[in-house]
């Protein structure tokens, strides 16, 4: 199986890359660093074209859209959340995901069992609206909506799309007080990706296999 993972230089992305390599799969990990398999800043349109050229003709069985940012954890409602922050977070967390999928579609179409996994968050849920972190919540809700609509459009091509909450994970983003380790998250996510199929396309699930409220 050939797995492409965006944002694979650290955290959950790096953990997934390690797991798939250790289990004998071919992995292409992307990141903004030149030490990545493919250098990709998901905010730069030309980087997506370069990645498509580099992988042209090579089937992709699983595309994991993991790259994401969180800048607004400490913003105040009264005077925070400036326009530049909104633009930057949506560019990475939403537009970057769409451009990654768009660029990789020709290679996904070469696979016999193509899948797309989008890392969203429980903060995307409108049912459980906890307040605060408005940009991050809105961007993750938007990418959840994106994934659901892609699942509709790609179903007839046999491309399954799943959207996932990876858990509150002990990464730079999640912090040391987070509930689970990177290893726990990636082990669970890999099981979810393996179970994804055209019958479950459009699912929004947690890392440990529970259906999440939208």
N, C-alpha and C. Protein backbone atom coordinates (compact mmCIF):
# COMPACT_ATOMS: atom_id res chain seq x y z
N UNK A 1 0.84 -1.19 0.00
CA UNK A 1 0.00 0.00 0.00
C UNK A 1 0.88 1.24 0.00
N UNK A 2 0.54 2.21 -0.84
CA UNK A 2 1.26 3.49 -0.87
C UNK A 2 0.42 4.52 -0.12
N UNK A 3 1.01 5.09 0.93
CA UNK A 3 0.35 6.06 1.78
C UNK A 3 1.04 7.41 1.63
N UNK A 4 0.26 8.45 1.38
CA UNK A 4 0.77 9.82 1.34
C UNK A 4 0.20 10.57 2.54
N UNK A 5 1.08 11.19 3.33
CA UNK A 5 0.67 11.88 4.55
C UNK A 5 1.18 13.30 4.51
N UNK A 6 0.27 14.27 4.59
CA UNK A 6 0.70 15.67 4.67
C UNK A 6 0.97 16.02 6.13
N UNK A 7 1.92 16.93 6.34
CA UNK A 7 2.28 17.29 7.71
C UNK A 7 2.89 16.13 8.46
N UNK A 8 3.83 15.43 7.80
CA UNK A 8 4.39 14.20 8.37
C UNK A 8 5.72 14.42 9.08
N UNK A 9 6.11 15.65 9.30
CA UNK A 9 7.42 15.90 9.89
C UNK A 9 7.42 15.84 11.42
N UNK A 10 6.23 15.85 12.03
CA UNK A 10 6.16 15.78 13.49
C UNK A 10 4.77 15.35 13.93
N UNK A 11 4.63 15.09 15.22
CA UNK A 11 3.33 14.81 15.80
C UNK A 11 2.62 13.60 15.20
N UNK A 12 1.32 13.73 15.01
CA UNK A 12 0.50 12.63 14.51
C UNK A 12 0.95 12.18 13.13
N UNK A 13 1.28 13.14 12.26
CA UNK A 13 1.73 12.79 10.91
C UNK A 13 2.98 11.95 10.92
N UNK A 14 3.95 12.34 11.74
CA UNK A 14 5.19 11.57 11.85
C UNK A 14 4.92 10.19 12.44
N UNK A 15 4.03 10.14 13.43
CA UNK A 15 3.68 8.86 14.03
C UNK A 15 3.02 7.92 13.04
N UNK A 16 2.12 8.45 12.22
CA UNK A 16 1.49 7.61 11.20
C UNK A 16 2.50 7.13 10.17
N UNK A 17 3.40 8.02 9.76
CA UNK A 17 4.43 7.63 8.79
C UNK A 17 5.29 6.50 9.34
N UNK A 18 5.70 6.62 10.58
CA UNK A 18 6.52 5.57 11.21
C UNK A 18 5.76 4.25 11.28
N UNK A 19 4.50 4.32 11.68
CA UNK A 19 3.69 3.11 11.81
C UNK A 19 3.55 2.38 10.48
N UNK A 20 3.23 3.13 9.43
CA UNK A 20 3.04 2.48 8.14
C UNK A 20 4.35 1.93 7.58
N UNK A 21 5.44 2.65 7.79
CA UNK A 21 6.74 2.12 7.34
C UNK A 21 7.11 0.84 8.10
N UNK A 22 6.87 0.84 9.40
CA UNK A 22 7.20 -0.32 10.23
C UNK A 22 6.38 -1.55 9.85
N UNK A 23 5.20 -1.32 9.28
CA UNK A 23 4.35 -2.45 8.89
C UNK A 23 4.48 -2.78 7.40
N UNK A 24 5.53 -2.25 6.77
CA UNK A 24 5.89 -2.66 5.42
C UNK A 24 5.26 -1.90 4.28
N UNK A 25 4.62 -0.78 4.56
CA UNK A 25 3.99 -0.01 3.50
C UNK A 25 4.93 1.06 2.96
N UNK A 26 4.66 1.49 1.74
CA UNK A 26 5.40 2.59 1.13
C UNK A 26 4.77 3.90 1.58
N UNK A 27 5.60 4.81 2.10
CA UNK A 27 5.09 6.07 2.64
C UNK A 27 5.77 7.25 1.98
N UNK A 28 4.99 8.21 1.57
CA UNK A 28 5.50 9.52 1.13
C UNK A 28 5.00 10.55 2.13
N UNK A 29 5.91 11.09 2.90
CA UNK A 29 5.56 12.09 3.90
C UNK A 29 5.92 13.48 3.42
N UNK A 30 5.01 14.42 3.61
CA UNK A 30 5.28 15.79 3.18
C UNK A 30 5.43 16.71 4.39
N UNK A 31 6.12 17.80 4.18
CA UNK A 31 6.29 18.81 5.21
C UNK A 31 6.96 20.02 4.62
N UNK A 32 7.00 21.09 5.40
CA UNK A 32 7.65 22.30 4.92
C UNK A 32 9.16 22.19 4.97
N UNK A 33 9.67 21.21 5.68
CA UNK A 33 11.11 21.01 5.81
C UNK A 33 11.67 20.27 4.60
N UNK A 34 12.89 20.61 4.22
CA UNK A 34 13.53 19.94 3.08
C UNK A 34 13.88 18.49 3.40
N UNK A 35 13.83 18.10 4.69
CA UNK A 35 14.15 16.71 5.04
C UNK A 35 12.96 15.79 4.81
N UNK A 36 11.80 16.33 4.48
CA UNK A 36 10.62 15.52 4.17
C UNK A 36 10.82 14.79 2.85
N UNK A 37 10.05 13.72 2.64
CA UNK A 37 10.12 13.02 1.36
C UNK A 37 9.79 13.98 0.22
N UNK A 38 8.76 14.79 0.43
CA UNK A 38 8.39 15.83 -0.53
C UNK A 38 8.15 17.11 0.26
N UNK A 39 8.79 18.18 -0.18
CA UNK A 39 8.59 19.47 0.49
C UNK A 39 7.27 20.06 0.03
N UNK A 40 6.38 20.30 0.99
CA UNK A 40 5.05 20.82 0.67
C UNK A 40 4.61 21.79 1.74
N UNK A 41 4.43 23.02 1.37
CA UNK A 41 3.70 23.98 2.19
C UNK A 41 2.29 24.02 1.62
N UNK A 42 1.32 23.52 2.36
CA UNK A 42 -0.02 23.37 1.80
C UNK A 42 -0.66 24.70 1.43
N UNK A 43 -0.05 25.82 1.88
CA UNK A 43 -0.56 27.14 1.52
C UNK A 43 -0.06 27.62 0.16
N UNK A 44 0.90 26.92 -0.42
CA UNK A 44 1.52 27.37 -1.67
C UNK A 44 1.00 26.50 -2.82
N UNK A 45 0.27 27.11 -3.72
CA UNK A 45 -0.35 26.36 -4.82
C UNK A 45 0.67 25.62 -5.66
N UNK A 46 1.79 26.26 -5.96
CA UNK A 46 2.79 25.62 -6.82
C UNK A 46 3.41 24.38 -6.17
N UNK A 47 3.45 24.33 -4.84
CA UNK A 47 3.98 23.14 -4.16
C UNK A 47 3.11 21.92 -4.44
N UNK A 48 1.80 22.13 -4.53
CA UNK A 48 0.89 21.02 -4.84
C UNK A 48 1.14 20.50 -6.25
N UNK A 49 1.39 21.42 -7.18
CA UNK A 49 1.70 21.00 -8.54
C UNK A 49 3.00 20.22 -8.61
N UNK A 50 4.00 20.67 -7.84
CA UNK A 50 5.28 19.97 -7.82
C UNK A 50 5.12 18.57 -7.22
N UNK A 51 4.29 18.46 -6.18
CA UNK A 51 4.05 17.15 -5.58
C UNK A 51 3.33 16.23 -6.57
N UNK A 52 2.37 16.75 -7.29
CA UNK A 52 1.67 15.95 -8.29
C UNK A 52 2.63 15.47 -9.37
N UNK A 53 3.54 16.33 -9.79
CA UNK A 53 4.53 15.93 -10.80
C UNK A 53 5.44 14.84 -10.26
N UNK A 54 5.84 14.97 -8.99
CA UNK A 54 6.76 13.99 -8.39
C UNK A 54 6.13 12.61 -8.25
N UNK A 55 4.81 12.58 -8.05
CA UNK A 55 4.12 11.30 -7.83
C UNK A 55 3.32 10.83 -9.04
N UNK A 56 3.43 11.53 -10.15
CA UNK A 56 2.66 11.20 -11.34
C UNK A 56 2.85 9.74 -11.74
N UNK A 57 1.73 9.06 -11.98
CA UNK A 57 1.76 7.68 -12.43
C UNK A 57 1.91 6.66 -11.32
N UNK A 58 2.08 7.09 -10.09
CA UNK A 58 2.25 6.18 -8.96
C UNK A 58 0.95 6.12 -8.17
N UNK A 59 0.28 4.98 -8.12
CA UNK A 59 -1.00 4.91 -7.42
C UNK A 59 -0.87 5.28 -5.94
N UNK A 60 -1.85 6.01 -5.44
CA UNK A 60 -1.94 6.33 -4.01
C UNK A 60 -3.14 5.59 -3.46
N UNK A 61 -2.90 4.73 -2.48
CA UNK A 61 -3.98 3.95 -1.89
C UNK A 61 -4.64 4.66 -0.71
N UNK A 62 -3.86 5.48 0.00
CA UNK A 62 -4.40 6.22 1.14
C UNK A 62 -3.73 7.58 1.20
N UNK A 63 -4.53 8.63 1.13
CA UNK A 63 -4.06 10.00 1.32
C UNK A 63 -4.56 10.48 2.67
N UNK A 64 -3.63 10.84 3.56
CA UNK A 64 -3.99 11.34 4.88
C UNK A 64 -3.70 12.84 4.91
N UNK A 65 -4.75 13.63 4.99
CA UNK A 65 -4.62 15.09 5.05
C UNK A 65 -4.53 15.49 6.52
N UNK A 66 -3.31 15.64 6.99
CA UNK A 66 -3.05 15.85 8.41
C UNK A 66 -2.54 17.24 8.73
N UNK A 67 -1.93 17.93 7.77
CA UNK A 67 -1.32 19.23 8.05
C UNK A 67 -2.36 20.21 8.58
N UNK A 68 -2.03 20.88 9.67
CA UNK A 68 -2.96 21.83 10.27
C UNK A 68 -2.25 22.73 11.27
N UNK A 69 -2.90 23.85 11.58
CA UNK A 69 -2.33 24.81 12.53
C UNK A 69 -3.40 25.27 13.51
N UNK A 70 -2.93 25.72 14.69
CA UNK A 70 -3.81 26.27 15.72
C UNK A 70 -3.10 27.48 16.31
N UNK A 71 -3.64 28.67 16.05
CA UNK A 71 -3.01 29.90 16.52
C UNK A 71 -3.85 30.65 17.56
N UNK A 72 -5.11 30.26 17.75
CA UNK A 72 -6.03 31.14 18.48
C UNK A 72 -6.41 30.65 19.87
N UNK A 73 -5.59 29.80 20.45
CA UNK A 73 -5.94 29.21 21.76
C UNK A 73 -6.13 30.28 22.85
N UNK A 74 -5.34 31.35 22.82
CA UNK A 74 -5.38 32.35 23.90
C UNK A 74 -6.01 33.67 23.47
N UNK A 75 -6.68 33.69 22.32
CA UNK A 75 -7.28 34.94 21.84
C UNK A 75 -8.48 35.34 22.69
N UNK A 76 -8.67 36.64 22.86
CA UNK A 76 -9.82 37.17 23.59
C UNK A 76 -10.91 37.60 22.62
N UNK A 77 -12.14 37.33 22.97
CA UNK A 77 -13.27 37.68 22.10
C UNK A 77 -13.34 39.18 21.84
N UNK A 78 -13.01 39.98 22.86
CA UNK A 78 -13.18 41.43 22.74
C UNK A 78 -12.22 42.06 21.74
N UNK A 79 -10.97 41.59 21.67
CA UNK A 79 -9.99 42.28 20.82
C UNK A 79 -9.05 41.34 20.08
N UNK A 80 -9.36 40.06 20.06
CA UNK A 80 -8.49 39.09 19.37
C UNK A 80 -9.06 38.64 18.04
N UNK A 81 -8.52 37.54 17.54
CA UNK A 81 -9.01 36.92 16.31
C UNK A 81 -8.96 37.88 15.13
N UNK A 82 -7.79 38.42 14.84
CA UNK A 82 -7.70 39.39 13.75
C UNK A 82 -7.88 38.72 12.39
N UNK A 83 -8.09 39.53 11.39
CA UNK A 83 -8.40 39.02 10.05
C UNK A 83 -7.27 38.18 9.48
N UNK A 84 -6.03 38.57 9.76
CA UNK A 84 -4.88 37.83 9.25
C UNK A 84 -4.86 36.41 9.82
N UNK A 85 -5.23 36.28 11.10
CA UNK A 85 -5.26 34.95 11.73
C UNK A 85 -6.35 34.09 11.10
N UNK A 86 -7.50 34.68 10.84
CA UNK A 86 -8.57 33.93 10.16
C UNK A 86 -8.08 33.42 8.80
N UNK A 87 -7.46 34.30 8.04
CA UNK A 87 -7.01 33.92 6.70
C UNK A 87 -5.95 32.82 6.76
N UNK A 88 -5.00 32.96 7.69
CA UNK A 88 -3.90 32.00 7.76
C UNK A 88 -4.38 30.61 8.17
N UNK A 89 -5.26 30.54 9.15
CA UNK A 89 -5.72 29.24 9.62
C UNK A 89 -6.63 28.55 8.62
N UNK A 90 -7.49 29.32 7.96
CA UNK A 90 -8.33 28.70 6.93
C UNK A 90 -7.51 28.27 5.73
N UNK A 91 -6.46 29.03 5.40
CA UNK A 91 -5.61 28.66 4.27
C UNK A 91 -4.98 27.29 4.49
N UNK A 92 -4.52 27.02 5.72
CA UNK A 92 -3.89 25.73 6.01
C UNK A 92 -4.92 24.64 6.26
N UNK A 93 -5.87 24.90 7.13
CA UNK A 93 -6.77 23.86 7.63
C UNK A 93 -7.89 23.49 6.67
N UNK A 94 -8.19 24.35 5.72
CA UNK A 94 -9.29 24.07 4.78
C UNK A 94 -8.79 24.07 3.33
N UNK A 95 -8.31 25.22 2.87
CA UNK A 95 -7.85 25.31 1.49
C UNK A 95 -6.71 24.34 1.23
N UNK A 96 -5.78 24.23 2.18
CA UNK A 96 -4.66 23.32 2.00
C UNK A 96 -5.09 21.87 1.85
N UNK A 97 -6.12 21.48 2.58
CA UNK A 97 -6.66 20.12 2.45
C UNK A 97 -7.27 19.92 1.06
N UNK A 98 -8.08 20.88 0.64
CA UNK A 98 -8.70 20.75 -0.69
C UNK A 98 -7.65 20.66 -1.79
N UNK A 99 -6.64 21.53 -1.74
CA UNK A 99 -5.62 21.52 -2.78
C UNK A 99 -4.81 20.22 -2.78
N UNK A 100 -4.56 19.66 -1.60
CA UNK A 100 -3.85 18.39 -1.52
C UNK A 100 -4.64 17.28 -2.18
N UNK A 101 -5.94 17.23 -1.89
CA UNK A 101 -6.79 16.20 -2.49
C UNK A 101 -6.91 16.41 -3.99
N UNK A 102 -7.11 17.63 -4.40
CA UNK A 102 -7.23 17.93 -5.83
C UNK A 102 -5.98 17.50 -6.59
N UNK A 103 -4.82 17.79 -6.02
CA UNK A 103 -3.56 17.46 -6.69
C UNK A 103 -3.32 15.95 -6.76
N UNK A 104 -3.80 15.22 -5.74
CA UNK A 104 -3.54 13.77 -5.67
C UNK A 104 -4.61 12.91 -6.32
N UNK A 105 -5.70 13.52 -6.79
CA UNK A 105 -6.79 12.74 -7.39
C UNK A 105 -6.34 11.84 -8.54
N UNK A 106 -5.50 12.32 -9.46
CA UNK A 106 -5.10 11.41 -10.55
C UNK A 106 -4.42 10.14 -10.06
N UNK A 107 -3.62 10.24 -9.00
CA UNK A 107 -2.94 9.08 -8.46
C UNK A 107 -3.86 8.21 -7.61
N UNK A 108 -4.82 8.83 -6.93
CA UNK A 108 -5.82 8.04 -6.20
C UNK A 108 -6.66 7.22 -7.18
N UNK A 109 -6.93 7.78 -8.34
CA UNK A 109 -7.74 7.08 -9.33
C UNK A 109 -7.02 5.87 -9.94
N UNK A 110 -5.72 5.77 -9.72
CA UNK A 110 -4.94 4.62 -10.19
C UNK A 110 -4.97 3.45 -9.22
N UNK A 111 -5.45 3.69 -8.00
CA UNK A 111 -5.49 2.65 -6.97
C UNK A 111 -6.72 1.78 -7.14
N UNK A 112 -6.61 0.52 -6.70
CA UNK A 112 -7.76 -0.37 -6.73
C UNK A 112 -8.68 -0.15 -5.53
N UNK A 113 -8.17 0.49 -4.49
CA UNK A 113 -8.97 0.70 -3.27
C UNK A 113 -8.59 2.04 -2.64
N UNK A 114 -8.88 3.14 -3.33
CA UNK A 114 -8.41 4.45 -2.87
C UNK A 114 -9.21 5.00 -1.69
N UNK A 115 -8.49 5.64 -0.76
CA UNK A 115 -9.11 6.22 0.42
C UNK A 115 -8.48 7.57 0.72
N UNK A 116 -9.31 8.47 1.26
CA UNK A 116 -8.84 9.77 1.73
C UNK A 116 -9.26 9.90 3.19
N UNK A 117 -8.30 10.20 4.05
CA UNK A 117 -8.57 10.43 5.47
C UNK A 117 -8.25 11.88 5.80
N UNK A 118 -9.23 12.58 6.33
CA UNK A 118 -9.05 13.98 6.69
C UNK A 118 -9.05 14.11 8.21
N UNK A 119 -7.98 14.68 8.76
CA UNK A 119 -7.90 14.88 10.20
C UNK A 119 -8.61 16.19 10.54
N UNK A 120 -9.72 16.08 11.21
CA UNK A 120 -10.47 17.24 11.67
C UNK A 120 -10.29 17.33 13.18
N UNK A 121 -11.37 17.46 13.94
CA UNK A 121 -11.30 17.59 15.39
C UNK A 121 -12.69 17.49 15.96
N UNK A 122 -12.77 17.09 17.23
CA UNK A 122 -14.06 17.13 17.91
C UNK A 122 -14.58 18.56 18.02
N UNK A 123 -13.68 19.55 17.92
CA UNK A 123 -14.10 20.94 17.98
C UNK A 123 -14.86 21.37 16.72
N UNK A 124 -14.91 20.50 15.71
CA UNK A 124 -15.71 20.77 14.52
C UNK A 124 -17.20 20.61 14.79
N UNK A 125 -17.55 19.89 15.85
CA UNK A 125 -18.94 19.57 16.11
C UNK A 125 -19.74 20.81 16.48
N UNK A 126 -20.88 20.99 15.82
CA UNK A 126 -21.79 22.07 16.19
C UNK A 126 -22.76 21.61 17.28
N UNK A 127 -22.87 20.30 17.47
CA UNK A 127 -23.70 19.77 18.54
C UNK A 127 -23.08 20.06 19.90
N UNK A 128 -21.76 19.92 19.96
CA UNK A 128 -21.03 20.16 21.21
C UNK A 128 -20.22 21.44 21.05
N UNK A 129 -20.87 22.58 21.16
CA UNK A 129 -20.21 23.88 20.97
C UNK A 129 -19.72 24.38 22.32
N UNK A 130 -18.41 24.28 22.55
CA UNK A 130 -17.85 24.63 23.84
C UNK A 130 -17.40 26.07 23.98
N UNK A 131 -17.46 26.83 22.88
CA UNK A 131 -17.04 28.22 22.92
C UNK A 131 -15.54 28.37 22.81
N UNK A 132 -15.10 29.58 22.45
CA UNK A 132 -13.68 29.88 22.32
C UNK A 132 -13.05 29.26 21.09
N UNK A 133 -11.79 29.60 20.85
CA UNK A 133 -11.03 29.09 19.71
C UNK A 133 -11.88 29.13 18.43
N UNK A 134 -12.44 30.27 18.17
CA UNK A 134 -13.44 30.39 17.10
C UNK A 134 -12.88 30.05 15.72
N UNK A 135 -11.66 30.46 15.46
CA UNK A 135 -11.11 30.21 14.12
C UNK A 135 -10.82 28.73 13.94
N UNK A 136 -10.18 28.13 14.92
CA UNK A 136 -9.86 26.71 14.82
C UNK A 136 -11.14 25.89 14.70
N UNK A 137 -12.13 26.17 15.54
CA UNK A 137 -13.39 25.44 15.48
C UNK A 137 -14.04 25.60 14.10
N UNK A 138 -14.07 26.84 13.61
CA UNK A 138 -14.72 27.09 12.33
C UNK A 138 -13.98 26.41 11.18
N UNK A 139 -12.65 26.41 11.24
CA UNK A 139 -11.88 25.78 10.17
C UNK A 139 -12.05 24.27 10.17
N UNK A 140 -12.11 23.68 11.36
CA UNK A 140 -12.28 22.23 11.43
C UNK A 140 -13.71 21.82 11.07
N UNK A 141 -14.68 22.69 11.36
CA UNK A 141 -16.05 22.44 10.90
C UNK A 141 -16.12 22.53 9.39
N UNK A 142 -15.40 23.49 8.82
CA UNK A 142 -15.39 23.65 7.37
C UNK A 142 -14.76 22.45 6.68
N UNK A 143 -13.67 21.92 7.25
CA UNK A 143 -13.02 20.78 6.59
C UNK A 143 -13.86 19.51 6.78
N UNK A 144 -14.63 19.44 7.85
CA UNK A 144 -15.59 18.34 8.01
C UNK A 144 -16.63 18.42 6.91
N UNK A 145 -17.16 19.61 6.67
CA UNK A 145 -18.14 19.80 5.59
C UNK A 145 -17.52 19.47 4.24
N UNK A 146 -16.28 19.90 4.04
CA UNK A 146 -15.58 19.60 2.79
C UNK A 146 -15.49 18.09 2.58
N UNK A 147 -15.07 17.38 3.62
CA UNK A 147 -14.94 15.93 3.51
C UNK A 147 -16.25 15.25 3.20
N UNK A 148 -17.33 15.69 3.83
CA UNK A 148 -18.63 15.09 3.60
C UNK A 148 -19.08 15.29 2.15
N UNK A 149 -18.83 16.45 1.61
CA UNK A 149 -19.23 16.73 0.23
C UNK A 149 -18.34 16.01 -0.78
N UNK A 150 -17.04 15.90 -0.48
CA UNK A 150 -16.15 15.11 -1.33
C UNK A 150 -16.58 13.65 -1.34
N UNK A 151 -17.01 13.15 -0.20
CA UNK A 151 -17.48 11.77 -0.13
C UNK A 151 -18.64 11.55 -1.09
N UNK A 152 -19.54 12.52 -1.18
CA UNK A 152 -20.67 12.43 -2.11
C UNK A 152 -20.19 12.42 -3.55
N UNK A 153 -19.29 13.33 -3.89
CA UNK A 153 -18.86 13.48 -5.28
C UNK A 153 -17.94 12.35 -5.74
N UNK A 154 -17.20 11.74 -4.82
CA UNK A 154 -16.23 10.71 -5.21
C UNK A 154 -16.75 9.29 -5.02
N UNK A 155 -17.95 9.16 -4.47
CA UNK A 155 -18.50 7.82 -4.20
C UNK A 155 -18.57 6.97 -5.47
N UNK A 156 -19.08 7.55 -6.55
CA UNK A 156 -19.26 6.76 -7.77
C UNK A 156 -17.94 6.33 -8.39
N UNK A 157 -16.85 7.00 -8.01
CA UNK A 157 -15.52 6.59 -8.48
C UNK A 157 -14.89 5.54 -7.57
N UNK A 158 -15.56 5.21 -6.49
CA UNK A 158 -15.02 4.22 -5.56
C UNK A 158 -13.97 4.77 -4.62
N UNK A 159 -13.90 6.09 -4.48
CA UNK A 159 -12.95 6.71 -3.56
C UNK A 159 -13.68 7.03 -2.26
N UNK A 160 -13.28 6.37 -1.18
CA UNK A 160 -13.91 6.56 0.13
C UNK A 160 -13.23 7.70 0.87
N UNK A 161 -14.02 8.50 1.57
CA UNK A 161 -13.51 9.64 2.32
C UNK A 161 -14.00 9.54 3.76
N UNK A 162 -13.07 9.61 4.71
CA UNK A 162 -13.42 9.61 6.12
C UNK A 162 -12.86 10.84 6.81
N UNK A 163 -13.56 11.32 7.82
CA UNK A 163 -13.11 12.48 8.58
C UNK A 163 -12.97 12.03 10.04
N UNK A 164 -11.88 12.46 10.70
CA UNK A 164 -11.53 11.86 11.99
C UNK A 164 -11.09 12.87 13.03
N UNK A 165 -11.52 12.60 14.28
CA UNK A 165 -10.99 13.29 15.45
C UNK A 165 -9.86 12.43 16.00
N UNK A 166 -8.63 12.94 16.05
CA UNK A 166 -7.50 12.11 16.45
C UNK A 166 -7.34 11.94 17.95
N UNK A 167 -8.23 12.57 18.73
CA UNK A 167 -8.07 12.58 20.18
C UNK A 167 -7.32 13.82 20.64
N UNK A 168 -7.32 14.02 21.93
CA UNK A 168 -6.51 15.08 22.53
C UNK A 168 -5.13 14.47 22.77
N UNK A 169 -4.18 14.82 21.91
CA UNK A 169 -2.93 14.08 21.80
C UNK A 169 -1.75 14.89 22.33
N UNK A 170 -0.81 14.21 22.95
CA UNK A 170 0.39 14.83 23.52
C UNK A 170 1.38 15.21 22.41
N UNK A 171 1.06 16.29 21.72
CA UNK A 171 1.91 16.85 20.68
C UNK A 171 2.18 18.31 21.02
N UNK A 172 2.92 19.00 20.14
CA UNK A 172 3.14 20.43 20.35
C UNK A 172 1.81 21.17 20.39
N UNK A 173 0.85 20.73 19.58
CA UNK A 173 -0.46 21.36 19.55
C UNK A 173 -1.29 20.98 20.76
N UNK A 174 -1.29 19.71 21.12
CA UNK A 174 -2.13 19.24 22.21
C UNK A 174 -1.60 19.54 23.59
N UNK A 175 -0.26 19.61 23.72
CA UNK A 175 0.35 19.90 25.00
C UNK A 175 0.62 18.65 25.82
N UNK A 176 1.45 18.80 26.84
CA UNK A 176 1.85 17.67 27.67
C UNK A 176 0.70 17.11 28.51
N UNK A 177 -0.31 17.94 28.79
CA UNK A 177 -1.43 17.50 29.63
C UNK A 177 -2.49 16.72 28.85
N UNK A 178 -2.29 16.54 27.55
CA UNK A 178 -3.29 15.86 26.72
C UNK A 178 -3.55 14.44 27.19
N UNK A 179 -4.69 13.90 26.78
CA UNK A 179 -5.19 12.64 27.33
C UNK A 179 -4.49 11.40 26.81
N UNK A 180 -4.02 11.41 25.55
CA UNK A 180 -3.44 10.20 24.97
C UNK A 180 -2.12 10.51 24.29
N UNK A 181 -1.33 9.47 24.08
CA UNK A 181 -0.04 9.61 23.42
C UNK A 181 -0.20 9.58 21.91
N UNK A 182 0.84 10.01 21.22
CA UNK A 182 0.84 9.94 19.76
C UNK A 182 0.64 8.49 19.31
N UNK A 183 1.32 7.55 19.97
CA UNK A 183 1.21 6.15 19.58
C UNK A 183 -0.22 5.65 19.71
N UNK A 184 -0.90 6.00 20.80
CA UNK A 184 -2.30 5.58 20.96
C UNK A 184 -3.18 6.15 19.84
N UNK A 185 -2.95 7.42 19.52
CA UNK A 185 -3.75 8.06 18.47
C UNK A 185 -3.52 7.40 17.12
N UNK A 186 -2.28 7.22 16.75
CA UNK A 186 -2.00 6.70 15.40
C UNK A 186 -2.40 5.24 15.27
N UNK A 187 -2.26 4.47 16.34
CA UNK A 187 -2.72 3.08 16.28
C UNK A 187 -4.22 3.03 16.02
N UNK A 188 -4.96 3.88 16.74
CA UNK A 188 -6.40 3.91 16.55
C UNK A 188 -6.80 4.44 15.19
N UNK A 189 -6.14 5.52 14.76
CA UNK A 189 -6.46 6.09 13.45
C UNK A 189 -6.20 5.09 12.33
N UNK A 190 -5.08 4.39 12.41
CA UNK A 190 -4.77 3.40 11.36
C UNK A 190 -5.85 2.33 11.26
N UNK A 191 -6.41 1.94 12.41
CA UNK A 191 -7.52 0.98 12.39
C UNK A 191 -8.75 1.57 11.73
N UNK A 192 -9.00 2.86 12.00
CA UNK A 192 -10.15 3.52 11.37
C UNK A 192 -9.95 3.60 9.86
N UNK A 193 -8.76 3.96 9.42
CA UNK A 193 -8.48 4.08 7.99
C UNK A 193 -8.65 2.73 7.30
N UNK A 194 -8.19 1.68 7.97
CA UNK A 194 -8.29 0.34 7.40
C UNK A 194 -9.75 -0.08 7.23
N UNK A 195 -10.60 0.34 8.18
CA UNK A 195 -12.02 -0.04 8.12
C UNK A 195 -12.82 0.81 7.15
N UNK A 196 -12.30 1.95 6.76
CA UNK A 196 -13.02 2.84 5.85
C UNK A 196 -13.29 2.16 4.51
N UNK A 197 -14.51 2.26 4.03
CA UNK A 197 -14.86 1.72 2.72
C UNK A 197 -15.97 2.56 2.11
N UNK A 198 -16.39 2.19 0.93
CA UNK A 198 -17.35 3.02 0.22
C UNK A 198 -18.72 3.02 0.92
N UNK A 199 -18.99 1.99 1.71
CA UNK A 199 -20.25 1.97 2.46
C UNK A 199 -20.22 2.95 3.64
N UNK A 200 -19.03 3.21 4.19
CA UNK A 200 -18.93 4.12 5.34
C UNK A 200 -18.40 5.49 4.94
N UNK A 201 -18.26 5.74 3.66
CA UNK A 201 -17.70 7.02 3.20
C UNK A 201 -18.52 8.19 3.74
N UNK A 202 -17.83 9.25 4.11
CA UNK A 202 -18.48 10.40 4.72
C UNK A 202 -18.56 10.34 6.23
N UNK A 203 -18.01 9.27 6.83
CA UNK A 203 -18.10 9.11 8.27
C UNK A 203 -17.28 10.17 9.01
N UNK A 204 -17.71 10.52 10.21
CA UNK A 204 -16.97 11.38 11.13
C UNK A 204 -16.80 10.56 12.40
N UNK A 205 -15.58 10.10 12.65
CA UNK A 205 -15.32 9.16 13.73
C UNK A 205 -14.17 9.63 14.62
N UNK A 206 -14.15 9.11 15.84
CA UNK A 206 -13.05 9.36 16.76
C UNK A 206 -11.95 8.33 16.51
N UNK A 207 -10.77 8.63 17.03
CA UNK A 207 -9.61 7.75 16.86
C UNK A 207 -9.87 6.34 17.40
N UNK A 208 -10.77 6.22 18.39
CA UNK A 208 -11.02 4.92 19.00
C UNK A 208 -12.31 4.27 18.50
N UNK A 209 -12.82 4.74 17.36
CA UNK A 209 -13.88 4.02 16.68
C UNK A 209 -15.30 4.41 16.98
N UNK A 210 -15.50 5.53 17.67
CA UNK A 210 -16.87 5.97 17.96
C UNK A 210 -17.35 6.96 16.91
N UNK A 211 -18.61 6.85 16.51
CA UNK A 211 -19.19 7.84 15.60
C UNK A 211 -19.30 9.16 16.35
N UNK A 212 -18.88 10.26 15.71
CA UNK A 212 -18.89 11.57 16.36
C UNK A 212 -20.11 12.36 15.90
N UNK A 213 -20.68 13.13 16.81
CA UNK A 213 -21.78 14.03 16.45
C UNK A 213 -21.27 15.13 15.53
N UNK A 214 -22.10 15.50 14.58
CA UNK A 214 -21.73 16.56 13.65
C UNK A 214 -21.98 17.93 14.27
